């Protein structure tokens, strides 16, 4: 099992989930998989996709400096997301969602 295409990913701060849609190598182009993963799971694997840890660093007067200093550190990189998903579903293959028609 390996992620072929990462269609979309989004951190839902209110529900504390990572919402993803993707395809694995065995999926056809007209199939897609969608999942919601608890953010606590991402931290268990050593990934931090949440910006909650920077709330105390926010200074409304220094918006530009904030993004220059901290923005890149919390940018959600597609390759990093794929790496996490590959590890997650390797450890928990029973959590791999079924395909849906796209």
C-alpha atoms as a PDB file:
ATOM      1  CA  UNK A   1       0.000   0.000   0.000  1.00  0.00           C
ATOM      2  CA  UNK A   2       1.417   3.327  -1.066  1.00  0.00           C
ATOM      3  CA  UNK A   3      -0.199   6.695  -1.688  1.00  0.00           C
ATOM      4  CA  UNK A   4      -0.271   7.473  -5.416  1.00  0.00           C
ATOM      5  CA  UNK A   5      -2.142  10.820  -5.372  1.00  0.00           C
ATOM      6  CA  UNK A   6      -2.974  13.124  -2.509  1.00  0.00           C
ATOM      7  CA  UNK A   7      -6.119  14.835  -3.749  1.00  0.00           C
ATOM      8  CA  UNK A   8      -6.702  17.090  -0.725  1.00  0.00           C
ATOM      9  CA  UNK A   9      -5.876  17.487   2.950  1.00  0.00           C
ATOM     10  CA  UNK A  10      -7.195  19.835   5.572  1.00  0.00           C
ATOM     11  CA  UNK A  11      -6.699  20.315   9.306  1.00  0.00           C
ATOM     12  CA  UNK A  12     -10.107  20.676  10.921  1.00  0.00           C
ATOM     13  CA  UNK A  13      -9.191  22.535  14.127  1.00  0.00           C
ATOM     14  CA  UNK A  14     -12.730  22.383  15.545  1.00  0.00           C
ATOM     15  CA  UNK A  15     -12.953  18.580  15.381  1.00  0.00           C
ATOM     16  CA  UNK A  16      -9.175  18.076  15.827  1.00  0.00           C
ATOM     17  CA  UNK A  17      -8.987  15.858  12.737  1.00  0.00           C
ATOM     18  CA  UNK A  18      -6.940  15.604   9.599  1.00  0.00           C
ATOM     19  CA  UNK A  19      -9.350  15.277   6.643  1.00  0.00           C
ATOM     20  CA  UNK A  20      -7.722  13.640   3.607  1.00  0.00           C
ATOM     21  CA  UNK A  21      -8.731  12.345   0.183  1.00  0.00           C
ATOM     22  CA  UNK A  22      -6.255  10.243  -1.777  1.00  0.00           C
ATOM     23  CA  UNK A  23      -5.570   7.273  -4.049  1.00  0.00           C
ATOM     24  CA  UNK A  24      -3.261   4.353  -3.504  1.00  0.00           C
ATOM     25  CA  UNK A  25      -1.321   2.590  -6.255  1.00  0.00           C
ATOM     26  CA  UNK A  26      -3.986  -0.071  -6.776  1.00  0.00           C
ATOM     27  CA  UNK A  27      -6.834   2.467  -7.197  1.00  0.00           C
ATOM     28  CA  UNK A  28      -8.211   3.443 -10.601  1.00  0.00           C
ATOM     29  CA  UNK A  29      -8.382   7.093 -11.653  1.00  0.00           C
ATOM     30  CA  UNK A  30     -12.138   7.162 -11.043  1.00  0.00           C
ATOM     31  CA  UNK A  31     -11.780   5.952  -7.442  1.00  0.00           C
ATOM     32  CA  UNK A  32     -10.921   7.961  -4.332  1.00  0.00           C
ATOM     33  CA  UNK A  33     -10.533   7.320  -0.613  1.00  0.00           C
ATOM     34  CA  UNK A  34     -11.556   9.756   2.124  1.00  0.00           C
ATOM     35  CA  UNK A  35     -10.622   9.591   5.779  1.00  0.00           C
ATOM     36  CA  UNK A  36     -10.617  11.610   9.001  1.00  0.00           C
ATOM     37  CA  UNK A  37      -7.677  10.955  11.305  1.00  0.00           C
ATOM     38  CA  UNK A  38      -7.409  12.324  14.842  1.00  0.00           C
ATOM     39  CA  UNK A  39      -4.631  14.890  15.131  1.00  0.00           C
ATOM     40  CA  UNK A  40      -3.375  13.013  18.177  1.00  0.00           C
ATOM     41  CA  UNK A  41      -2.483  10.147  15.803  1.00  0.00           C
ATOM     42  CA  UNK A  42      -0.266  12.449  13.727  1.00  0.00           C
ATOM     43  CA  UNK A  43       1.620  13.495  16.853  1.00  0.00           C
ATOM     44  CA  UNK A  44       2.056   9.831  17.840  1.00  0.00           C
ATOM     45  CA  UNK A  45       3.913   9.339  14.538  1.00  0.00           C
ATOM     46  CA  UNK A  46       6.076  12.419  15.159  1.00  0.00           C
ATOM     47  CA  UNK A  47       4.243  14.844  12.856  1.00  0.00           C
ATOM     48  CA  UNK A  48       2.755  18.137  14.038  1.00  0.00           C
ATOM     49  CA  UNK A  49       0.289  19.514  11.513  1.00  0.00           C
ATOM     50  CA  UNK A  50      -1.495  21.734  14.077  1.00  0.00           C
ATOM     51  CA  UNK A  51      -0.765  25.412  14.665  1.00  0.00           C
ATOM     52  CA  UNK A  52      -2.097  25.291  18.245  1.00  0.00           C
ATOM     53  CA  UNK A  53       1.419  25.237  19.641  1.00  0.00           C
ATOM     54  CA  UNK A  54       2.106  28.736  18.277  1.00  0.00           C
ATOM     55  CA  UNK A  55      -0.914  30.540  19.754  1.00  0.00           C
ATOM     56  CA  UNK A  56       1.188  32.133  22.478  1.00  0.00           C
ATOM     57  CA  UNK A  57       3.650  33.413  19.880  1.00  0.00           C
ATOM     58  CA  UNK A  58       1.063  35.378  17.905  1.00  0.00           C
ATOM     59  CA  UNK A  59       1.423  39.159  18.023  1.00  0.00           C
ATOM     60  CA  UNK A  60      -1.154  40.983  15.929  1.00  0.00           C
ATOM     61  CA  UNK A  61       1.201  43.949  15.514  1.00  0.00           C
ATOM     62  CA  UNK A  62       3.876  41.737  13.985  1.00  0.00           C
ATOM     63  CA  UNK A  63       1.886  39.663  11.491  1.00  0.00           C
ATOM     64  CA  UNK A  64       4.606  39.897   8.868  1.00  0.00           C
ATOM     65  CA  UNK A  65       7.412  38.964  11.255  1.00  0.00           C
ATOM     66  CA  UNK A  66       5.327  36.074  12.606  1.00  0.00           C
ATOM     67  CA  UNK A  67       4.907  34.504   9.194  1.00  0.00           C
ATOM     68  CA  UNK A  68       8.551  35.086   8.305  1.00  0.00           C
ATOM     69  CA  UNK A  69       9.664  33.439  11.538  1.00  0.00           C
ATOM     70  CA  UNK A  70       7.073  30.710  12.136  1.00  0.00           C
ATOM     71  CA  UNK A  71       5.101  30.289   8.900  1.00  0.00           C
ATOM     72  CA  UNK A  72       7.437  27.883   7.141  1.00  0.00           C
ATOM     73  CA  UNK A  73       7.793  25.695  10.224  1.00  0.00           C
ATOM     74  CA  UNK A  74       4.069  24.924  10.170  1.00  0.00           C
ATOM     75  CA  UNK A  75       3.549  24.805   6.422  1.00  0.00           C
ATOM     76  CA  UNK A  76       1.808  21.579   5.555  1.00  0.00           C
ATOM     77  CA  UNK A  77       4.045  19.957   3.000  1.00  0.00           C
ATOM     78  CA  UNK A  78       2.401  17.495   0.605  1.00  0.00           C
ATOM     79  CA  UNK A  79       5.399  15.145   0.728  1.00  0.00           C
ATOM     80  CA  UNK A  80       5.352  15.159   4.522  1.00  0.00           C
ATOM     81  CA  UNK A  81       1.615  14.422   4.485  1.00  0.00           C
ATOM     82  CA  UNK A  82       2.118  11.502   2.070  1.00  0.00           C
ATOM     83  CA  UNK A  83       4.917  10.194   4.260  1.00  0.00           C
ATOM     84  CA  UNK A  84       2.665  10.294   7.324  1.00  0.00           C
ATOM     85  CA  UNK A  85      -0.212   8.560   5.500  1.00  0.00           C
ATOM     86  CA  UNK A  86       2.074   5.816   4.175  1.00  0.00           C
ATOM     87  CA  UNK A  87       3.372   5.151   7.695  1.00  0.00           C
ATOM     88  CA  UNK A  88      -0.089   5.357   9.267  1.00  0.00           C
ATOM     89  CA  UNK A  89      -1.728   2.866   6.898  1.00  0.00           C
ATOM     90  CA  UNK A  90       1.304   0.565   7.022  1.00  0.00           C
ATOM     91  CA  UNK A  91       0.881   0.296  10.806  1.00  0.00           C
ATOM     92  CA  UNK A  92      -2.954   0.292  10.683  1.00  0.00           C
ATOM     93  CA  UNK A  93      -3.964  -1.402   7.400  1.00  0.00           C
ATOM     94  CA  UNK A  94      -7.448  -2.116   8.759  1.00  0.00           C
ATOM     95  CA  UNK A  95      -8.083   1.661   8.952  1.00  0.00           C
ATOM     96  CA  UNK A  96      -7.554   2.165   5.212  1.00  0.00           C
ATOM     97  CA  UNK A  97     -10.875   3.514   3.899  1.00  0.00           C
ATOM     98  CA  UNK A  98     -12.718   1.802   1.069  1.00  0.00           C
ATOM     99  CA  UNK A  99     -12.754   3.373  -2.382  1.00  0.00           C
ATOM    100  CA  UNK A 100     -15.583   5.567  -3.583  1.00  0.00           C
ATOM    101  CA  UNK A 101     -16.373   6.591  -7.121  1.00  0.00           C
ATOM    102  CA  UNK A 102     -14.855   9.974  -7.871  1.00  0.00           C
END
